[in-house]
């Protein structure tokens, strides 16, 4: 067993994604040593009907968003990278987490 840290050790990633590409990207970042926090929408994480998501959530800490977005905003503020679904940050936050846009001061890539 190696005692070396991964190339991304110390990088905090917040994974707000759905589908395939986003969860796999978060998995790969975790494989490289990043601290990945996967936030599931209110109601919980993957079901038994989505077995691949359990694999893609490896090397991630899991959290469930609540109706109170304060804790989520603090996670976003503390993240070095925020992964969002390809539908865009406003849609991801609006549909999955209950608000229309990322917290103020956060820039989202295109």
Protein backbone atom coordinates (compact mmCIF):
# COMPACT_ATOMS: atom_id res chain seq x y z
CA UNK A 1 0.00 0.00 0.00
CA UNK A 2 1.38 3.40 -0.99
CA UNK A 3 1.65 6.25 1.48
CA UNK A 4 1.88 8.88 -1.26
CA UNK A 5 -0.88 11.44 -1.54
CA UNK A 6 -2.64 11.87 -4.85
CA UNK A 7 -1.81 14.68 -7.24
CA UNK A 8 -4.94 16.59 -6.12
CA UNK A 9 -4.47 16.18 -2.37
CA UNK A 10 -5.77 19.29 -0.61
CA UNK A 11 -8.18 20.23 -3.41
CA UNK A 12 -11.81 20.42 -2.26
CA UNK A 13 -14.42 19.53 -4.89
CA UNK A 14 -18.18 19.96 -4.49
CA UNK A 15 -20.11 17.61 -6.77
CA UNK A 16 -23.65 18.81 -7.58
CA UNK A 17 -23.95 16.74 -10.74
CA UNK A 18 -26.41 14.21 -12.11
CA UNK A 19 -26.30 11.94 -15.13
CA UNK A 20 -23.09 10.19 -16.12
CA UNK A 21 -20.34 12.67 -17.02
CA UNK A 22 -20.46 14.71 -13.81
CA UNK A 23 -20.42 11.84 -11.33
CA UNK A 24 -17.62 10.13 -13.28
CA UNK A 25 -15.60 13.39 -13.33
CA UNK A 26 -16.01 13.66 -9.55
CA UNK A 27 -14.97 10.02 -9.16
CA UNK A 28 -11.81 10.59 -11.19
CA UNK A 29 -10.91 13.71 -9.19
CA UNK A 30 -11.38 11.67 -6.00
CA UNK A 31 -9.21 8.89 -7.44
CA UNK A 32 -6.48 11.51 -7.88
CA UNK A 33 -6.70 12.51 -4.22
CA UNK A 34 -9.15 15.41 -4.19
CA UNK A 35 -11.54 15.74 -1.25
CA UNK A 36 -14.88 15.33 -3.08
CA UNK A 37 -18.20 16.06 -1.39
CA UNK A 38 -21.20 14.72 -3.33
CA UNK A 39 -24.38 16.65 -2.52
CA UNK A 40 -27.59 14.78 -3.28
CA UNK A 41 -30.89 16.65 -3.65
CA UNK A 42 -33.41 16.63 -0.81
CA UNK A 43 -34.81 13.13 -0.55
CA UNK A 44 -31.52 11.31 -0.76
CA UNK A 45 -28.96 9.74 -2.97
CA UNK A 46 -28.96 7.05 -5.63
CA UNK A 47 -31.50 4.26 -5.48
CA UNK A 48 -31.03 0.57 -6.12
CA UNK A 49 -32.37 1.29 -9.63
CA UNK A 50 -29.21 3.32 -10.33
CA UNK A 51 -26.42 0.88 -9.38
CA UNK A 52 -23.71 2.67 -11.38
CA UNK A 53 -24.08 5.78 -9.23
CA UNK A 54 -22.89 3.80 -6.21
CA UNK A 55 -19.66 3.02 -8.07
CA UNK A 56 -19.25 6.59 -9.29
CA UNK A 57 -19.64 7.91 -5.73
CA UNK A 58 -16.48 6.11 -4.57
CA UNK A 59 -13.88 8.32 -2.86
CA UNK A 60 -16.59 10.88 -2.08
CA UNK A 61 -18.12 12.11 1.12
CA UNK A 62 -21.89 12.14 0.74
CA UNK A 63 -24.32 14.82 1.94
CA UNK A 64 -28.00 15.50 1.35
CA UNK A 65 -29.13 19.06 0.66
CA UNK A 66 -31.88 20.45 2.82
CA UNK A 67 -34.47 23.12 2.16
CA UNK A 68 -32.23 25.50 4.12
CA UNK A 69 -29.53 26.43 1.59
CA UNK A 70 -27.20 27.99 4.16
CA UNK A 71 -25.12 24.82 4.62
CA UNK A 72 -24.89 24.34 0.86
CA UNK A 73 -23.75 27.94 0.39
CA UNK A 74 -20.98 27.36 2.96
CA UNK A 75 -19.87 24.22 1.10
CA UNK A 76 -19.74 26.19 -2.16
CA UNK A 77 -17.73 28.97 -0.53
CA UNK A 78 -15.19 26.49 0.81
CA UNK A 79 -14.77 24.57 -2.45
CA UNK A 80 -11.92 24.97 -4.89
CA UNK A 81 -14.01 23.35 -7.65
CA UNK A 82 -17.79 23.09 -8.01
CA UNK A 83 -19.03 20.52 -10.51
CA UNK A 84 -22.49 21.18 -11.98
CA UNK A 85 -24.55 19.26 -14.51
CA UNK A 86 -24.43 20.10 -18.20
CA UNK A 87 -27.86 21.68 -17.93
CA UNK A 88 -26.12 24.69 -16.34
CA UNK A 89 -25.65 26.04 -12.84
CA UNK A 90 -28.99 27.82 -12.58
CA UNK A 91 -30.89 24.74 -13.70
CA UNK A 92 -28.86 22.45 -11.45
CA UNK A 93 -29.49 24.61 -8.40
CA UNK A 94 -33.10 25.31 -9.32
CA UNK A 95 -34.22 21.76 -10.06
CA UNK A 96 -32.04 19.83 -7.66
CA UNK A 97 -31.44 22.15 -4.76
CA UNK A 98 -34.29 24.62 -4.73
CA UNK A 99 -32.77 27.94 -5.76
CA UNK A 100 -32.25 29.69 -9.05
CA UNK A 101 -28.55 30.48 -9.00
CA UNK A 102 -25.24 29.78 -7.26
CA UNK A 103 -24.45 31.80 -4.14
CA UNK A 104 -23.22 35.34 -4.82
CA UNK A 105 -19.55 35.73 -5.61
CA UNK A 106 -19.09 32.34 -7.28
CA UNK A 107 -18.13 32.26 -10.94
CA UNK A 108 -19.37 29.35 -13.00
CA UNK A 109 -17.50 28.22 -16.09
CA UNK A 110 -19.22 27.60 -19.38
